[in-house]
Amino acid sequence: MSASPFSPGAESSECHARCGVLSTLHGDINTPVFMPVGTQATVKGMSPEALVELGAQIILGNTYHLYIRPGHELIREFGGLHHFMHWQRPILTDSGGFQIFSLQELAKITEEGAAFRSHLDGSPLFLSPEDAIEVQVALGSDIMMALDTCIPYPASREEAVTATALTNRWAARCRKVQPHNGQLLFGIVQGGMYTDLRLAALEELQAIGFDGYALGGLSVGEPQEEMLTILAECAHRMPKNHARYLMGVGTPEDLVEGVLHGIDMFDCVMPTRNARNGMLFTSQGRVVIKNACFQKDASPLDPNCSCYTCRHYSRAYLRHLFQSREILAYQLNSIHNLHYYCNLMAAMREAIRQDGFLAFRSEFYRRRNGCMPPYNLKNGESS
């Protein structure tokens, strides 16, 4: 394994929050970072140019969906995902493990891989760890993820032990076929809600050796307190000189708590999905734009926001568009929510550089009138 592509930077003296730079084939990424989700080779409602304008450094594509449609070989013929979708910044592709997990009734997991049926037409398909890498190589993503088995919540310890062991065996197979072409490969730490299983899995993955490490199997229905416990126990124990990625999480509060515990990378469909449902994130908290109180509101959605939407449109107009089911509503709402997420990450990076992350965190919750989770400053764990 060559030197890690991640370079740690500023660190908080108060907690585990940190900055860093992750180097990829398509450029450097300043962390902590949020990755907008582009499941079908597009971030819904967003052009690549709009993503660049709002500050997106990297986006996520989905191996499972692109494998089924339009097919990885077609994308390879177009020169890879970057050329196919006109995005020249970094791309991370997930392995497809979570989608297979979410379609359990259509899938059968064995030692060899996952046999499943297409959610589109029911045709039989199979994805082995080696296949997952082959597909991601064809897509040409900057960061590939090892195929994993996501553990449901709740799960017995026996179920978690079995699934975690399979994930690590699959990880070794993925690592074995990783090409030496500059594409990075991250291993995924499973273990359910059992901290000791996760730490043991992490140790095994480190022995295999990956370019970065991810915490998977969170935000699958568990109470937030359990997720925060896993973060507090595991995140800062992930290798310091490698990027740490928390998969599929989450709310703005989740991002702040993840950074607090040392996480570098996040992704979630929430900003774009909620935008399409009329729920918008602001510095003062959430806004449900369909509410009647905004019918004659001439103010911008968030007076503290500099996004295109807030610079040009009133809450009244955004409500009108949403109530009328106009396509522009989904576009403007998505621009704002993604800008909010990217701006939140930029603000956290600056707070870390100024060594004032805990003050930033307190102000974040105060402005939103939110309940701040307790934090033990002595040992850096949630109390």
Protein backbone atom coordinates (compact mmCIF):
# COMPACT_ATOMS: atom_id res chain seq x y z
CA MET A 1 0.00 0.00 0.00
CA SER A 2 1.38 3.37 -1.03
CA ALA A 3 1.34 6.45 1.18
CA SER A 4 -2.06 7.65 2.29
CA PRO A 5 -3.71 10.24 -0.01
CA PHE A 6 -4.99 12.07 3.08
CA SER A 7 -2.95 14.81 4.75
CA PRO A 8 -4.19 15.86 8.22
CA GLY A 9 -4.19 19.60 8.86
CA ALA A 10 -5.47 21.77 11.69
CA GLU A 11 -6.82 19.96 14.75
CA SER A 12 -9.02 21.18 17.58
CA SER A 13 -7.37 21.34 21.00
CA GLU A 14 -10.82 20.84 22.57
CA CYS A 15 -12.22 17.77 20.79
CA HIS A 16 -11.48 15.42 17.88
CA ALA A 17 -12.53 17.83 15.11
CA ARG A 18 -9.91 18.22 12.39
CA CYS A 19 -9.23 19.55 8.92
CA GLY A 20 -7.32 17.82 6.16
CA VAL A 21 -6.77 17.46 2.42
CA LEU A 22 -7.69 14.33 0.46
CA SER A 23 -5.87 14.09 -2.88
CA THR A 24 -7.61 12.37 -5.81
CA LEU A 25 -7.19 12.01 -9.56
CA HIS A 26 -9.55 14.93 -10.15
CA GLY A 27 -8.25 17.30 -7.50
CA ASP A 28 -7.80 17.92 -3.81
CA ILE A 29 -10.71 17.92 -1.36
CA ASN A 30 -10.65 20.08 1.75
CA THR A 31 -12.17 18.26 4.70
CA PRO A 32 -14.47 18.03 6.55
CA VAL A 33 -16.66 17.83 3.45
CA PHE A 34 -20.23 17.02 2.48
CA MET A 35 -20.82 15.08 -0.76
CA PRO A 36 -24.11 15.75 -2.61
CA VAL A 37 -25.65 12.49 -3.77
CA GLY A 38 -25.91 11.94 -7.52
CA THR A 39 -27.44 8.46 -7.54
CA GLN A 40 -28.21 8.27 -11.26
CA ALA A 41 -25.17 10.25 -12.46
CA THR A 42 -26.96 13.47 -11.59
CA VAL A 43 -27.67 15.42 -8.42
CA LYS A 44 -31.42 15.82 -8.78
CA GLY A 45 -32.43 19.26 -9.98
CA MET A 46 -28.85 20.52 -10.22
CA SER A 47 -26.52 21.25 -13.14
CA PRO A 48 -22.79 20.62 -12.62
CA GLU A 49 -22.20 24.36 -12.97
CA ALA A 50 -24.68 25.12 -10.20
CA LEU A 51 -22.96 22.56 -7.95
CA VAL A 52 -19.60 24.24 -8.55
CA GLU A 53 -21.08 27.67 -7.81
CA LEU A 54 -22.46 26.59 -4.44
CA GLY A 55 -19.14 25.03 -3.43
CA ALA A 56 -19.52 21.28 -3.93
CA GLN A 57 -16.04 19.73 -4.01
CA ILE A 58 -17.04 16.12 -4.65
CA ILE A 59 -20.24 14.24 -5.44
CA LEU A 60 -21.38 10.65 -4.94
CA GLY A 61 -22.58 8.20 -7.58
CA ASN A 62 -24.29 4.87 -6.99
CA THR A 63 -22.74 1.64 -8.25
CA TYR A 64 -25.94 -0.42 -7.96
CA HIS A 65 -28.15 1.97 -9.93
CA LEU A 66 -25.56 2.73 -12.62
CA TYR A 67 -24.78 -0.98 -12.97
CA ILE A 68 -28.46 -1.60 -13.75
CA ARG A 69 -29.04 1.52 -15.86
CA PRO A 70 -27.47 2.61 -18.17
CA GLY A 71 -24.79 -0.02 -17.47
CA HIS A 72 -21.14 0.44 -16.53
CA GLU A 73 -19.87 -0.68 -19.94
CA LEU A 74 -21.79 2.08 -21.68
CA ILE A 75 -20.38 4.63 -19.25
CA ARG A 76 -16.90 3.22 -19.88
CA GLU A 77 -17.44 3.80 -23.63
CA PHE A 78 -18.13 7.47 -22.87
CA GLY A 79 -14.79 7.80 -21.07
CA GLY A 80 -16.12 7.26 -17.55
CA LEU A 81 -18.61 8.94 -15.29
CA HIS A 82 -16.86 12.33 -15.29
CA HIS A 83 -17.24 12.72 -19.06
CA PHE A 84 -20.65 11.09 -19.18
CA MET A 85 -22.18 13.55 -16.71
CA HIS A 86 -19.96 16.60 -17.41
CA TRP A 87 -18.46 16.78 -13.90
CA GLN A 88 -14.71 17.25 -13.67
CA ARG A 89 -14.30 17.34 -9.89
CA PRO A 90 -13.90 14.20 -7.76
CA ILE A 91 -16.54 11.46 -7.58
CA LEU A 92 -17.01 8.78 -4.94
CA THR A 93 -19.02 5.70 -5.86
CA ASP A 94 -20.59 3.59 -3.14
CA SER A 95 -20.36 -0.16 -3.53
CA GLY A 96 -24.05 -0.98 -3.89
CA GLY A 97 -24.16 -2.80 -0.56
CA PHE A 98 -26.71 -0.45 1.00
CA GLN A 99 -29.05 -0.67 -2.00
CA ILE A 100 -28.89 -4.46 -1.91
CA PHE A 101 -29.61 -4.27 1.83
CA SER A 102 -32.60 -2.01 1.22
CA LEU A 103 -33.97 -4.47 -1.36
CA GLN A 104 -33.65 -7.50 0.90
CA GLU A 105 -36.75 -9.17 -0.47
CA LEU A 106 -35.08 -9.23 -3.90
CA ALA A 107 -31.60 -10.30 -2.75
CA LYS A 108 -29.78 -13.36 -1.43
CA ILE A 109 -26.41 -12.87 0.25
CA THR A 110 -23.83 -15.67 0.05
CA GLU A 111 -20.09 -15.97 0.51
CA GLU A 112 -19.60 -15.37 -3.19
CA GLY A 113 -21.63 -12.17 -3.32
CA ALA A 114 -25.15 -10.82 -3.67
CA ALA A 115 -27.69 -12.39 -6.00
CA PHE A 116 -30.60 -10.05 -6.54
CA ARG A 117 -33.27 -8.97 -8.96
CA SER A 118 -33.42 -5.64 -10.70
CA HIS A 119 -35.89 -3.26 -9.11
CA LEU A 120 -36.73 -2.12 -12.65
CA ASP A 121 -37.74 -5.34 -14.41
CA GLY A 122 -37.01 -8.18 -12.01
CA SER A 123 -34.19 -9.63 -14.09
CA PRO A 124 -31.67 -11.75 -12.12
CA LEU A 125 -28.32 -10.09 -11.38
CA PHE A 126 -25.24 -10.92 -9.34
CA LEU A 127 -22.59 -8.71 -7.75
CA SER A 128 -19.48 -10.16 -6.17
CA PRO A 129 -16.79 -8.09 -4.41
CA GLU A 130 -14.68 -8.41 -7.55
CA ASP A 131 -17.64 -7.32 -9.70
CA ALA A 132 -18.19 -4.27 -7.49
CA ILE A 133 -14.61 -3.15 -8.13
CA GLU A 134 -14.84 -3.93 -11.86
CA VAL A 135 -17.98 -1.79 -12.17
CA GLN A 136 -16.40 1.10 -10.26
CA VAL A 137 -13.24 0.90 -12.37
CA ALA A 138 -15.42 1.19 -15.47
CA LEU A 139 -17.20 4.18 -13.94
CA GLY A 140 -13.81 5.78 -13.30
CA SER A 141 -14.65 7.18 -9.88
CA ASP A 142 -11.89 8.77 -7.83
CA ILE A 143 -12.91 6.88 -4.69
CA MET A 144 -14.30 3.34 -4.78
CA MET A 145 -15.97 1.60 -1.86
CA ALA A 146 -15.50 -2.06 -0.96
CA LEU A 147 -18.66 -4.19 -1.17
CA ASP A 148 -20.19 -4.64 2.27
CA THR A 149 -23.17 -6.25 3.98
CA CYS A 150 -25.22 -3.65 5.81
CA ILE A 151 -26.62 -4.80 9.16
CA PRO A 152 -30.26 -3.96 9.97
CA TYR A 153 -31.44 -2.41 13.20
CA PRO A 154 -32.10 -4.07 15.50
CA ALA A 155 -29.78 -7.05 14.98
CA SER A 156 -28.67 -9.72 17.40
CA ARG A 157 -25.01 -9.98 18.26
CA GLU A 158 -24.80 -13.27 16.36
CA GLU A 159 -26.24 -11.63 13.23
CA ALA A 160 -23.82 -8.72 13.57
CA VAL A 161 -20.82 -11.04 14.04
CA THR A 162 -21.69 -13.08 10.95
CA ALA A 163 -22.38 -10.09 8.70
CA THR A 164 -19.32 -8.15 9.86
CA ALA A 165 -17.02 -11.11 9.23
CA LEU A 166 -18.44 -11.48 5.71
CA THR A 167 -17.93 -7.76 5.04
CA ASN A 168 -14.28 -8.04 6.02
CA ARG A 169 -13.72 -11.13 3.87
CA TRP A 170 -15.31 -9.28 0.96
CA ALA A 171 -13.11 -6.27 1.73
CA ALA A 172 -9.97 -8.40 1.38
CA ARG A 173 -11.19 -9.64 -1.99
CA CYS A 174 -11.89 -6.07 -3.14
CA ARG A 175 -8.43 -4.97 -2.06
CA LYS A 176 -6.84 -7.86 -3.94
CA VAL A 177 -8.29 -6.70 -7.28
CA GLN A 178 -7.84 -2.95 -6.75
CA PRO A 179 -6.02 -1.68 -9.86
CA HIS A 180 -2.91 0.49 -9.65
CA ASN A 181 -4.45 3.30 -11.67
CA GLY A 182 -4.83 6.02 -9.05
CA GLN A 183 -8.40 5.14 -8.06
CA LEU A 184 -8.67 5.05 -4.27
CA LEU A 185 -10.40 2.27 -2.34
CA PHE A 186 -12.05 2.69 1.08
CA GLY A 187 -12.92 -0.15 3.44
CA ILE A 188 -16.19 -0.09 5.37
CA VAL A 189 -16.38 -0.73 9.11
CA GLN A 190 -19.53 -2.64 10.05
CA GLY A 191 -20.48 -4.18 13.40
CA GLY A 192 -24.00 -2.97 14.04
CA MET A 193 -24.51 -1.26 17.39
CA TYR A 194 -21.75 -3.32 19.03
CA THR A 195 -18.72 -1.11 19.66
CA ASP A 196 -16.32 -4.00 20.28
CA LEU A 197 -17.28 -5.62 16.97
CA ARG A 198 -16.67 -2.36 15.12
CA LEU A 199 -13.27 -1.82 16.71
CA ALA A 200 -12.26 -5.40 15.92
CA ALA A 201 -13.48 -4.97 12.34
CA LEU A 202 -11.51 -1.76 12.03
CA GLU A 203 -8.35 -3.53 13.19
CA GLU A 204 -8.84 -6.24 10.55
CA LEU A 205 -9.43 -3.66 7.80
CA GLN A 206 -6.29 -1.77 8.80
CA ALA A 207 -4.32 -5.01 8.49
CA ILE A 208 -5.65 -5.38 4.92
CA GLY A 209 -4.77 -1.74 4.21
CA PHE A 210 -7.04 0.77 2.49
CA ASP A 211 -6.77 4.35 1.21
CA GLY A 212 -9.49 5.45 3.63
CA TYR A 213 -12.01 4.03 6.09
CA ALA A 214 -15.77 4.43 6.41
CA LEU A 215 -18.31 3.81 9.13
CA GLY A 216 -21.26 2.05 7.50
CA GLY A 217 -24.52 0.69 8.81
CA LEU A 218 -25.55 3.81 10.71
CA SER A 219 -28.71 5.87 10.16
CA VAL A 220 -30.59 2.60 9.56
CA GLY A 221 -33.32 3.25 12.11
CA GLU A 222 -31.37 3.33 15.35
CA PRO A 223 -31.99 6.11 17.92
CA GLN A 224 -29.62 9.05 17.51
CA GLU A 225 -28.15 8.31 20.94
CA GLU A 226 -26.91 4.93 19.73
CA MET A 227 -25.38 6.44 16.60
CA LEU A 228 -23.62 9.09 18.70
CA THR A 229 -22.27 6.38 21.00
CA ILE A 230 -20.76 4.53 18.05
CA LEU A 231 -19.27 7.78 16.77
CA ALA A 232 -17.81 8.68 20.16
CA GLU A 233 -16.24 5.25 20.62
CA CYS A 234 -15.04 4.57 17.07
CA ALA A 235 -14.51 7.69 14.94
CA HIS A 236 -11.35 9.04 16.59
CA ARG A 237 -9.89 5.52 16.71
CA MET A 238 -9.94 5.28 12.93
CA PRO A 239 -6.46 5.81 11.41
CA LYS A 240 -5.35 9.41 11.90
CA ASN A 241 -3.49 9.57 8.60
CA HIS A 242 -6.44 8.36 6.52
CA ALA A 243 -9.77 9.94 5.62
CA ARG A 244 -12.71 8.96 7.83
CA TYR A 245 -16.08 8.73 6.12
CA LEU A 246 -19.50 8.46 7.82
CA MET A 247 -21.82 6.95 5.22
CA GLY A 248 -25.39 8.12 4.62
CA VAL A 249 -25.55 10.63 7.49
CA GLY A 250 -27.35 13.01 7.81
CA THR A 251 -29.00 16.05 9.33
CA PRO A 252 -27.07 19.29 9.94
CA GLU A 253 -26.89 18.25 13.60
CA ASP A 254 -25.43 14.89 12.56
CA LEU A 255 -22.73 16.66 10.53
CA VAL A 256 -21.73 18.85 13.46
CA GLU A 257 -21.60 15.89 15.84
CA GLY A 258 -19.70 13.81 13.30
CA VAL A 259 -17.04 16.49 12.88
CA LEU A 260 -16.85 16.85 16.66
CA HIS A 261 -15.82 13.20 16.86
CA GLY A 262 -13.27 13.35 14.02
CA ILE A 263 -15.22 12.46 10.86
CA ASP A 264 -13.93 13.96 7.58
CA MET A 265 -16.53 13.01 4.95
CA PHE A 266 -20.34 12.78 4.79
CA ASP A 267 -23.07 12.08 2.25
CA CYS A 268 -26.85 12.05 2.46
CA VAL A 269 -29.84 12.46 0.14
CA MET A 270 -31.54 14.65 2.75
CA PRO A 271 -30.78 18.13 1.35
CA THR A 272 -32.14 17.36 -2.13
CA ARG A 273 -34.92 14.99 -1.04
CA ASN A 274 -36.18 17.43 1.58
CA ALA A 275 -35.92 20.26 -0.94
CA ARG A 276 -38.30 18.42 -3.24
CA ASN A 277 -40.66 17.95 -0.30
CA GLY A 278 -40.56 21.64 0.62
CA MET A 279 -38.46 21.35 3.78
CA LEU A 280 -35.58 23.81 3.81
CA PHE A 281 -32.58 24.17 6.11
CA THR A 282 -31.68 27.63 7.41
CA SER A 283 -29.36 29.08 9.99
CA GLN A 284 -32.36 29.45 12.32
CA GLY A 285 -33.67 25.94 11.76
CA ARG A 286 -36.00 24.16 9.38
CA VAL A 287 -38.60 25.95 7.23
CA VAL A 288 -41.62 24.15 5.72
CA ILE A 289 -42.22 26.43 2.78
CA LYS A 290 -45.84 25.36 2.13
CA ASN A 291 -46.98 26.83 5.45
CA ALA A 292 -49.54 29.60 5.05
CA CYS A 293 -47.48 32.03 7.14
CA PHE A 294 -45.14 32.49 4.16
CA GLN A 295 -47.87 33.45 1.67
CA LYS A 296 -47.06 37.19 1.85
CA ASP A 297 -43.54 36.97 3.27
CA ALA A 298 -41.25 39.18 1.19
CA SER A 299 -38.08 38.22 3.06
CA PRO A 300 -35.49 35.80 1.72
CA LEU A 301 -35.60 32.23 2.88
CA ASP A 302 -32.54 32.79 5.09
CA PRO A 303 -31.25 36.35 5.62
CA ASN A 304 -27.83 34.91 6.50
CA CYS A 305 -27.54 32.93 3.25
CA SER A 306 -25.78 34.09 0.07
CA CYS A 307 -27.05 31.37 -2.27
CA TYR A 308 -28.67 32.16 -5.62
CA THR A 309 -32.13 31.39 -4.25
CA CYS A 310 -31.84 33.67 -1.23
CA ARG A 311 -30.28 36.49 -3.28
CA HIS A 312 -33.15 36.61 -5.76
CA TYR A 313 -36.39 35.17 -4.40
CA SER A 314 -38.80 35.71 -1.53
CA ARG A 315 -40.37 33.13 0.72
CA ALA A 316 -43.72 34.06 -0.80
CA TYR A 317 -42.51 33.24 -4.30
CA LEU A 318 -40.91 29.97 -3.19
CA ARG A 319 -44.17 29.00 -1.50
CA HIS A 320 -46.13 29.86 -4.66
CA LEU A 321 -43.84 27.71 -6.81
CA PHE A 322 -44.04 24.78 -4.42
CA GLN A 323 -47.82 24.96 -4.06
CA SER A 324 -48.09 25.12 -7.86
CA ARG A 325 -45.78 22.12 -8.21
CA GLU A 326 -43.53 24.03 -10.55
CA ILE A 327 -40.23 22.37 -11.46
CA LEU A 328 -38.41 25.58 -10.58
CA ALA A 329 -39.46 25.08 -6.95
CA TYR A 330 -37.45 21.89 -6.70
CA GLN A 331 -34.44 23.50 -8.38
CA LEU A 332 -34.38 26.62 -6.20
CA ASN A 333 -35.01 24.62 -3.04
CA SER A 334 -32.21 22.18 -3.90
CA ILE A 335 -29.79 25.02 -4.62
CA HIS A 336 -30.49 26.49 -1.21
CA ASN A 337 -30.29 23.26 0.78
CA LEU A 338 -27.05 22.13 -0.85
CA HIS A 339 -25.55 25.59 -0.41
CA TYR A 340 -26.52 25.44 3.25
CA TYR A 341 -24.78 22.08 3.69
CA CYS A 342 -21.62 23.12 1.83
CA ASN A 343 -21.50 26.44 3.67
CA LEU A 344 -21.95 24.64 7.00
CA MET A 345 -18.93 22.47 6.22
CA ALA A 346 -16.87 25.51 5.21
CA ALA A 347 -17.81 27.24 8.47
CA MET A 348 -16.75 24.18 10.45
CA ARG A 349 -13.41 24.05 8.63
CA GLU A 350 -12.79 27.67 9.54
CA ALA A 351 -13.81 27.12 13.16
CA ILE A 352 -11.33 24.26 13.42
CA ARG A 353 -8.55 26.37 11.91
CA GLN A 354 -9.31 29.07 14.49
CA ASP A 355 -9.42 26.39 17.23
CA GLY A 356 -12.92 27.44 18.19
CA PHE A 357 -15.01 24.43 17.22
CA LEU A 358 -16.82 23.98 20.53
CA ALA A 359 -17.87 27.64 20.51
CA PHE A 360 -19.08 27.18 16.93
CA ARG A 361 -21.07 24.11 17.98
CA SER A 362 -22.70 25.95 20.89
CA GLU A 363 -23.69 28.86 18.65
CA PHE A 364 -25.03 26.46 16.02
CA TYR A 365 -27.46 24.93 18.51
CA ARG A 366 -28.32 28.27 20.13
CA ARG A 367 -29.38 29.84 16.84
CA ARG A 368 -31.56 26.85 16.03
CA ASN A 369 -33.00 26.61 19.56
CA GLY A 370 -31.86 23.01 19.49
CA CYS A 371 -30.89 20.63 22.28
CA MET A 372 -27.13 20.12 22.17
CA PRO A 373 -25.99 16.56 22.95
CA PRO A 374 -23.72 16.38 26.02
CA TYR A 375 -19.99 16.06 25.44
CA ASN A 376 -17.28 15.04 27.87
CA LEU A 377 -14.38 17.40 27.23
CA LYS A 378 -11.94 15.30 29.23
CA ASN A 379 -11.96 12.18 27.09
CA GLY A 380 -13.74 13.37 24.00
CA GLU A 381 -16.73 11.05 24.29
CA SER A 382 -20.44 11.74 24.46
CA SER A 383 -21.66 11.38 28.03
